[in-house]
N, C-alpha and C. Protein backbone atom coordinates (compact mmCIF):
# COMPACT_ATOMS: atom_id res chain seq x y z
N MET A 1 120.03 83.95 128.54
CA MET A 1 119.42 84.70 127.44
C MET A 1 119.65 86.18 127.71
N LYS A 2 120.24 86.83 126.79
CA LYS A 2 120.56 88.24 126.97
C LYS A 2 119.63 89.16 126.18
N HIS A 3 118.46 88.68 125.85
CA HIS A 3 117.51 89.49 125.08
C HIS A 3 116.31 89.89 125.94
N ILE A 4 115.74 91.02 125.57
CA ILE A 4 114.49 91.48 126.15
C ILE A 4 113.43 91.35 125.07
N PHE A 5 112.24 90.91 125.46
CA PHE A 5 111.16 90.74 124.48
C PHE A 5 109.97 91.61 124.85
N GLU A 6 109.42 92.23 123.83
CA GLU A 6 108.19 93.00 123.96
C GLU A 6 107.16 92.41 123.01
N ILE A 7 105.89 92.69 123.27
CA ILE A 7 104.84 92.32 122.33
C ILE A 7 103.87 93.49 122.23
N LYS A 8 103.54 93.84 121.00
CA LYS A 8 102.58 94.92 120.80
C LYS A 8 101.19 94.46 121.24
N ARG A 9 100.46 95.36 121.85
CA ARG A 9 99.12 95.05 122.36
C ARG A 9 98.18 94.53 121.26
N ASP A 10 98.23 95.15 120.08
CA ASP A 10 97.34 94.68 119.01
C ASP A 10 97.74 93.28 118.51
N THR A 11 99.01 92.96 118.58
CA THR A 11 99.46 91.60 118.22
C THR A 11 98.95 90.60 119.24
N LEU A 12 99.03 90.97 120.50
CA LEU A 12 98.50 90.12 121.56
C LEU A 12 96.99 89.91 121.38
N ASP A 13 96.27 90.98 121.05
CA ASP A 13 94.83 90.86 120.79
C ASP A 13 94.55 89.92 119.62
N ASP A 14 95.38 90.01 118.57
CA ASP A 14 95.21 89.10 117.43
C ASP A 14 95.41 87.65 117.86
N LEU A 15 96.44 87.39 118.65
CA LEU A 15 96.70 86.02 119.11
C LEU A 15 95.54 85.47 119.94
N LYS A 16 94.98 86.29 120.79
CA LYS A 16 93.88 85.84 121.65
C LYS A 16 92.66 85.39 120.84
N LYS A 17 92.50 85.93 119.64
CA LYS A 17 91.38 85.55 118.77
C LYS A 17 91.48 84.09 118.32
N TYR A 18 92.68 83.54 118.40
CA TYR A 18 92.91 82.19 117.89
C TYR A 18 92.82 81.11 118.96
N ALA A 19 92.31 81.45 120.13
CA ALA A 19 92.09 80.44 121.17
C ALA A 19 91.24 79.33 120.58
N GLN A 20 91.58 78.12 120.87
CA GLN A 20 91.05 76.96 120.16
C GLN A 20 89.62 76.57 120.50
N GLY A 21 89.24 76.65 121.74
CA GLY A 21 87.91 76.17 122.10
C GLY A 21 87.76 74.70 121.78
N ASN A 22 86.66 74.31 121.18
CA ASN A 22 86.42 72.90 120.84
C ASN A 22 86.83 72.56 119.42
N GLU A 23 87.52 73.46 118.78
CA GLU A 23 87.89 73.27 117.39
C GLU A 23 89.29 72.67 117.27
N ASN A 24 89.75 72.46 116.04
CA ASN A 24 91.09 71.96 115.79
C ASN A 24 92.14 73.04 116.04
N GLU A 25 93.37 72.60 116.28
CA GLU A 25 94.48 73.54 116.44
C GLU A 25 94.64 74.35 115.16
N VAL A 26 95.10 75.60 115.34
CA VAL A 26 95.49 76.44 114.22
C VAL A 26 96.91 76.93 114.48
N CYS A 27 97.59 77.38 113.43
CA CYS A 27 98.99 77.76 113.58
C CYS A 27 99.36 78.84 112.59
N GLY A 28 100.43 79.57 112.91
CA GLY A 28 100.93 80.63 112.05
C GLY A 28 102.33 81.03 112.47
N ILE A 29 102.74 82.19 112.02
CA ILE A 29 104.10 82.66 112.29
C ILE A 29 104.09 83.99 113.02
N LEU A 30 105.23 84.31 113.61
CA LEU A 30 105.43 85.56 114.33
C LEU A 30 106.51 86.38 113.64
N LEU A 31 106.30 87.68 113.61
CA LEU A 31 107.30 88.58 113.07
C LEU A 31 107.68 89.58 114.15
N CYS A 32 108.93 90.04 114.12
CA CYS A 32 109.38 91.00 115.11
C CYS A 32 110.35 91.98 114.48
N SER A 33 110.65 93.02 115.23
CA SER A 33 111.65 94.01 114.83
C SER A 33 112.62 94.19 115.99
N LYS A 34 113.85 94.47 115.65
CA LYS A 34 114.85 94.75 116.68
C LYS A 34 114.68 96.19 117.13
N VAL A 35 114.62 96.37 118.45
CA VAL A 35 114.43 97.70 119.03
C VAL A 35 115.58 97.91 120.01
N GLY A 36 116.58 98.63 119.62
CA GLY A 36 117.75 98.79 120.47
C GLY A 36 118.71 97.62 120.29
N ASP A 37 119.67 97.52 121.20
CA ASP A 37 120.71 96.51 121.07
C ASP A 37 120.25 95.08 121.40
N ILE A 38 119.42 94.94 122.44
CA ILE A 38 119.07 93.59 122.89
C ILE A 38 117.56 93.33 122.94
N CYS A 39 116.78 94.29 122.49
CA CYS A 39 115.32 94.16 122.59
C CYS A 39 114.70 93.80 121.24
N PHE A 40 113.80 92.82 121.28
CA PHE A 40 113.04 92.43 120.10
C PHE A 40 111.56 92.60 120.41
N ARG A 41 110.85 93.25 119.49
CA ARG A 41 109.42 93.50 119.66
C ARG A 41 108.62 92.62 118.71
N ILE A 42 107.79 91.74 119.28
CA ILE A 42 106.88 90.92 118.47
C ILE A 42 105.77 91.86 118.01
N ASN A 43 105.73 92.12 116.70
CA ASN A 43 104.79 93.12 116.22
C ASN A 43 103.82 92.62 115.16
N LYS A 44 103.81 91.33 114.93
CA LYS A 44 102.86 90.79 113.97
C LYS A 44 102.71 89.29 114.20
N ALA A 45 101.46 88.86 114.27
CA ALA A 45 101.14 87.43 114.28
C ALA A 45 100.31 87.18 113.02
N SER A 46 100.76 86.28 112.20
CA SER A 46 100.03 86.02 110.96
C SER A 46 98.66 85.43 111.27
N PRO A 47 97.75 85.52 110.31
CA PRO A 47 96.52 84.74 110.46
C PRO A 47 96.90 83.26 110.39
N PRO A 48 95.99 82.37 110.75
CA PRO A 48 96.31 80.94 110.64
C PRO A 48 96.65 80.56 109.19
N PHE A 49 97.75 79.85 109.04
CA PHE A 49 98.16 79.29 107.76
C PHE A 49 98.21 77.78 107.93
N VAL A 50 97.07 77.13 107.75
CA VAL A 50 96.92 75.72 108.08
C VAL A 50 96.91 74.87 106.82
N LEU A 51 97.80 73.88 106.77
CA LEU A 51 97.81 72.90 105.69
C LEU A 51 96.98 71.69 106.12
N GLU A 52 97.24 71.22 107.33
CA GLU A 52 96.47 70.12 107.93
C GLU A 52 96.37 70.38 109.42
N ASN A 53 95.26 69.95 110.05
CA ASN A 53 95.16 70.11 111.50
C ASN A 53 94.19 69.11 112.10
N SER A 54 94.31 68.99 113.42
CA SER A 54 93.44 68.11 114.20
C SER A 54 93.28 68.77 115.57
N SER A 55 92.63 68.06 116.48
CA SER A 55 92.45 68.60 117.84
C SER A 55 93.78 68.83 118.55
N TYR A 56 94.80 68.04 118.19
CA TYR A 56 96.09 68.13 118.88
C TYR A 56 97.26 68.22 117.92
N GLY A 57 97.09 68.95 116.84
CA GLY A 57 98.20 69.11 115.91
C GLY A 57 97.85 70.06 114.78
N CYS A 58 98.90 70.67 114.23
CA CYS A 58 98.70 71.61 113.13
C CYS A 58 99.97 71.61 112.27
N ILE A 59 99.80 71.48 110.97
CA ILE A 59 100.90 71.61 110.03
C ILE A 59 100.71 72.92 109.29
N ARG A 60 101.70 73.78 109.39
CA ARG A 60 101.62 75.12 108.80
C ARG A 60 101.88 75.07 107.30
N ASP A 61 101.15 75.91 106.56
CA ASP A 61 101.34 76.06 105.11
C ASP A 61 102.57 76.94 104.89
N VAL A 62 103.66 76.31 104.49
CA VAL A 62 104.94 77.00 104.34
C VAL A 62 104.89 78.03 103.21
N LYS A 63 104.25 77.69 102.12
CA LYS A 63 104.19 78.59 100.97
C LYS A 63 103.50 79.92 101.34
N LYS A 64 102.34 79.83 101.98
CA LYS A 64 101.62 81.04 102.40
C LYS A 64 102.42 81.81 103.44
N SER A 65 103.05 81.09 104.36
CA SER A 65 103.85 81.73 105.40
C SER A 65 105.02 82.51 104.80
N ASN A 66 105.73 81.90 103.86
CA ASN A 66 106.88 82.58 103.24
C ASN A 66 106.45 83.82 102.47
N ALA A 67 105.32 83.74 101.78
CA ALA A 67 104.79 84.90 101.05
C ALA A 67 104.46 86.03 102.04
N TYR A 68 103.88 85.67 103.17
CA TYR A 68 103.53 86.65 104.21
C TYR A 68 104.79 87.31 104.76
N ILE A 69 105.82 86.52 105.04
CA ILE A 69 107.09 87.05 105.55
C ILE A 69 107.68 88.05 104.55
N GLU A 70 107.71 87.69 103.29
CA GLU A 70 108.28 88.58 102.26
C GLU A 70 107.49 89.88 102.15
N THR A 71 106.17 89.79 102.14
CA THR A 71 105.32 90.98 102.04
C THR A 71 105.54 91.90 103.23
N GLU A 72 105.52 91.34 104.44
CA GLU A 72 105.70 92.15 105.64
C GLU A 72 107.10 92.77 105.71
N PHE A 73 108.10 92.04 105.25
CA PHE A 73 109.47 92.56 105.23
C PHE A 73 109.54 93.78 104.33
N GLU A 74 108.95 93.69 103.15
CA GLU A 74 108.95 94.81 102.21
C GLU A 74 108.13 95.98 102.73
N GLN A 75 106.94 95.71 103.25
CA GLN A 75 106.05 96.77 103.71
C GLN A 75 106.59 97.49 104.96
N SER A 76 107.47 96.83 105.70
CA SER A 76 108.03 97.44 106.92
C SER A 76 109.37 98.11 106.67
N ASN A 77 109.71 98.31 105.40
CA ASN A 77 111.00 98.90 105.06
C ASN A 77 112.15 98.04 105.59
N HIS A 78 111.98 96.73 105.46
CA HIS A 78 112.98 95.72 105.81
C HIS A 78 113.30 95.66 107.30
N THR A 79 112.32 95.99 108.15
CA THR A 79 112.55 95.92 109.60
C THR A 79 111.81 94.77 110.28
N ARG A 80 110.74 94.28 109.68
CA ARG A 80 109.96 93.21 110.30
C ARG A 80 110.41 91.88 109.72
N ILE A 81 110.87 90.98 110.62
CA ILE A 81 111.43 89.70 110.19
C ILE A 81 110.77 88.53 110.93
N TYR A 82 110.94 87.35 110.35
CA TYR A 82 110.45 86.13 110.99
C TYR A 82 111.18 85.93 112.31
N CYS A 83 110.41 85.58 113.37
CA CYS A 83 111.07 85.29 114.65
C CYS A 83 110.51 84.05 115.34
N GLY A 84 109.46 83.43 114.77
CA GLY A 84 108.97 82.23 115.42
C GLY A 84 107.61 81.78 114.95
N GLU A 85 107.06 80.89 115.75
CA GLU A 85 105.81 80.20 115.41
C GLU A 85 104.79 80.40 116.52
N TRP A 86 103.52 80.38 116.15
CA TRP A 86 102.45 80.35 117.14
C TRP A 86 101.48 79.24 116.76
N HIS A 87 100.85 78.66 117.77
CA HIS A 87 99.78 77.70 117.53
C HIS A 87 98.88 77.64 118.75
N SER A 88 97.72 77.05 118.59
CA SER A 88 96.77 76.96 119.69
C SER A 88 96.85 75.59 120.36
N HIS A 89 96.42 75.54 121.60
CA HIS A 89 96.28 74.29 122.35
C HIS A 89 94.89 74.26 122.99
N PRO A 90 94.30 73.09 123.10
CA PRO A 90 92.97 72.98 123.71
C PRO A 90 93.02 72.87 125.23
N GLU A 91 93.80 73.73 125.86
CA GLU A 91 93.93 73.69 127.32
C GLU A 91 93.95 75.11 127.87
N GLU A 92 93.56 75.25 129.12
CA GLU A 92 93.49 76.58 129.72
C GLU A 92 94.86 77.22 129.87
N PHE A 93 95.81 76.45 130.38
CA PHE A 93 97.15 76.95 130.65
C PHE A 93 98.14 76.12 129.84
N PRO A 94 98.40 76.51 128.60
CA PRO A 94 99.18 75.67 127.68
C PRO A 94 100.65 75.57 128.06
N ARG A 95 101.20 74.41 127.76
CA ARG A 95 102.62 74.15 127.90
C ARG A 95 103.07 73.40 126.65
N PRO A 96 104.31 73.60 126.23
CA PRO A 96 104.77 72.93 125.01
C PRO A 96 104.93 71.42 125.20
N SER A 97 104.53 70.69 124.19
CA SER A 97 104.75 69.24 124.18
C SER A 97 106.18 68.99 123.69
N GLU A 98 106.61 67.76 123.78
CA GLU A 98 107.94 67.41 123.28
C GLU A 98 108.01 67.65 121.77
N LEU A 99 106.93 67.36 121.07
CA LEU A 99 106.86 67.61 119.62
C LEU A 99 106.97 69.11 119.32
N ASP A 100 106.32 69.94 120.13
CA ASP A 100 106.43 71.40 119.97
C ASP A 100 107.89 71.83 120.09
N ARG A 101 108.56 71.35 121.11
CA ARG A 101 109.97 71.72 121.33
C ARG A 101 110.85 71.23 120.18
N GLN A 102 110.61 70.00 119.75
CA GLN A 102 111.41 69.44 118.65
C GLN A 102 111.24 70.26 117.37
N SER A 103 110.03 70.73 117.10
CA SER A 103 109.80 71.50 115.88
C SER A 103 110.54 72.84 115.92
N ILE A 104 110.59 73.48 117.09
CA ILE A 104 111.31 74.75 117.22
C ILE A 104 112.82 74.53 117.09
N VAL A 105 113.34 73.48 117.69
CA VAL A 105 114.76 73.15 117.57
C VAL A 105 115.09 72.89 116.10
N SER A 106 114.23 72.17 115.42
CA SER A 106 114.43 71.86 114.00
C SER A 106 114.47 73.13 113.15
N ILE A 107 113.56 74.06 113.43
CA ILE A 107 113.56 75.34 112.69
C ILE A 107 114.87 76.07 112.94
N PHE A 108 115.30 76.13 114.20
CA PHE A 108 116.54 76.82 114.55
C PHE A 108 117.73 76.21 113.81
N GLU A 109 117.78 74.89 113.75
CA GLU A 109 118.93 74.20 113.18
C GLU A 109 118.92 74.12 111.66
N GLU A 110 117.73 74.09 111.06
CA GLU A 110 117.64 73.79 109.62
C GLU A 110 117.28 74.98 108.74
N GLU A 111 116.68 76.01 109.29
CA GLU A 111 116.24 77.14 108.48
C GLU A 111 117.22 78.30 108.58
N GLU A 112 117.21 79.15 107.58
CA GLU A 112 118.02 80.36 107.63
C GLU A 112 117.21 81.42 108.34
N ILE A 113 117.64 81.78 109.53
CA ILE A 113 116.94 82.82 110.29
C ILE A 113 117.92 83.95 110.60
N ALA A 114 117.40 85.16 110.66
CA ALA A 114 118.25 86.35 110.78
C ALA A 114 118.55 86.73 112.22
N ILE A 115 118.02 85.99 113.17
CA ILE A 115 118.18 86.31 114.59
C ILE A 115 118.70 85.07 115.33
N PRO A 116 119.24 85.24 116.53
CA PRO A 116 119.87 84.11 117.22
C PRO A 116 118.92 83.27 118.09
N PHE A 117 117.65 83.20 117.73
CA PHE A 117 116.68 82.44 118.51
C PHE A 117 115.42 82.19 117.67
N VAL A 118 114.57 81.30 118.18
CA VAL A 118 113.24 81.08 117.59
C VAL A 118 112.24 81.12 118.75
N LEU A 119 111.19 81.91 118.56
CA LEU A 119 110.13 82.00 119.56
C LEU A 119 109.05 80.97 119.30
N MET A 120 108.39 80.53 120.36
CA MET A 120 107.22 79.68 120.25
C MET A 120 106.14 80.25 121.17
N VAL A 121 104.99 80.54 120.59
CA VAL A 121 103.86 81.05 121.35
C VAL A 121 102.73 80.04 121.24
N ILE A 122 102.15 79.68 122.38
CA ILE A 122 101.03 78.74 122.40
C ILE A 122 99.83 79.46 123.00
N VAL A 123 98.79 79.57 122.20
CA VAL A 123 97.57 80.26 122.63
C VAL A 123 96.65 79.24 123.29
N GLY A 124 96.46 79.39 124.59
CA GLY A 124 95.54 78.53 125.33
C GLY A 124 94.20 79.21 125.51
N LEU A 125 93.33 78.58 126.25
CA LEU A 125 92.00 79.12 126.47
C LEU A 125 92.01 80.31 127.42
N ASN A 126 92.89 80.30 128.43
CA ASN A 126 92.95 81.39 129.41
C ASN A 126 94.30 82.09 129.47
N GLU A 127 95.30 81.52 128.86
CA GLU A 127 96.66 82.02 129.00
C GLU A 127 97.42 81.79 127.70
N ILE A 128 98.47 82.59 127.51
CA ILE A 128 99.36 82.39 126.36
C ILE A 128 100.75 82.06 126.91
N TYR A 129 101.33 81.01 126.37
CA TYR A 129 102.68 80.60 126.75
C TYR A 129 103.67 81.18 125.74
N TYR A 130 104.78 81.73 126.24
CA TYR A 130 105.85 82.25 125.39
C TYR A 130 107.14 81.50 125.74
N GLY A 131 107.77 80.93 124.73
CA GLY A 131 109.04 80.26 124.94
C GLY A 131 110.04 80.68 123.87
N VAL A 132 111.31 80.48 124.18
CA VAL A 132 112.36 80.82 123.22
C VAL A 132 113.43 79.74 123.27
N TYR A 133 113.96 79.42 122.08
CA TYR A 133 115.07 78.48 121.96
C TYR A 133 116.23 79.23 121.32
N ASP A 134 117.41 79.18 121.94
CA ASP A 134 118.56 79.94 121.45
C ASP A 134 119.69 79.06 120.92
N GLY A 135 119.40 77.80 120.63
CA GLY A 135 120.43 76.89 120.15
C GLY A 135 121.09 76.11 121.26
N ASP A 136 120.86 76.55 122.48
CA ASP A 136 121.45 75.90 123.65
C ASP A 136 120.37 75.38 124.59
N LYS A 137 119.40 76.24 124.88
CA LYS A 137 118.35 75.82 125.81
C LYS A 137 117.01 76.45 125.43
N PHE A 138 115.98 75.85 125.96
CA PHE A 138 114.61 76.30 125.78
C PHE A 138 114.16 76.91 127.09
N MET A 139 113.56 78.11 127.03
CA MET A 139 113.09 78.69 128.28
C MET A 139 111.82 79.51 128.06
N GLU A 140 111.04 79.60 129.12
CA GLU A 140 109.84 80.41 129.10
C GLU A 140 110.25 81.87 129.28
N ILE A 141 109.57 82.74 128.54
CA ILE A 141 109.83 84.18 128.66
C ILE A 141 108.51 84.89 128.96
N PHE A 142 108.62 86.14 129.36
CA PHE A 142 107.44 86.95 129.70
C PHE A 142 107.59 88.31 129.03
N PRO A 143 107.14 88.42 127.77
CA PRO A 143 107.31 89.69 127.05
C PRO A 143 106.57 90.85 127.72
N ILE A 144 107.13 92.01 127.58
CA ILE A 144 106.54 93.24 128.09
C ILE A 144 105.52 93.73 127.07
N GLU A 145 104.32 94.01 127.51
CA GLU A 145 103.27 94.50 126.60
C GLU A 145 103.49 95.99 126.35
N VAL A 146 103.49 96.38 125.06
CA VAL A 146 103.68 97.77 124.67
C VAL A 146 102.63 98.18 123.65
N GLU A 147 102.45 99.51 123.51
CA GLU A 147 101.51 100.03 122.51
C GLU A 147 102.07 99.84 121.16
């Protein structure tokens, strides 16, 4: 992977609010901007856009998500774009399930995306997991926190 990832502190704070606790999973989308040649900054996490959910699953509302992407793209002067998905897990130190990985691969292969990867963020009770799929492999990443 030849990319560097950053995450804005306020975006990280927003994600932490969605820790699951004893409730059902929630899910949403991530937006980022390209900063330099190889750096992408995660600068927006949508609020939860839930169509259906349970303790161990969440189906995202695509219609609301797409409207959010379009609005943010316009409001950011066409710099903020879709870069991935976030969801919660009912565990302290979350790790992606096989279904989580399959859904990210499916997005990469079937959707029109403007970047060469799809991010997956899992909000756990004590930790947040960050992963990226680039069409070849899935790997954990550690974004740099920025203002």
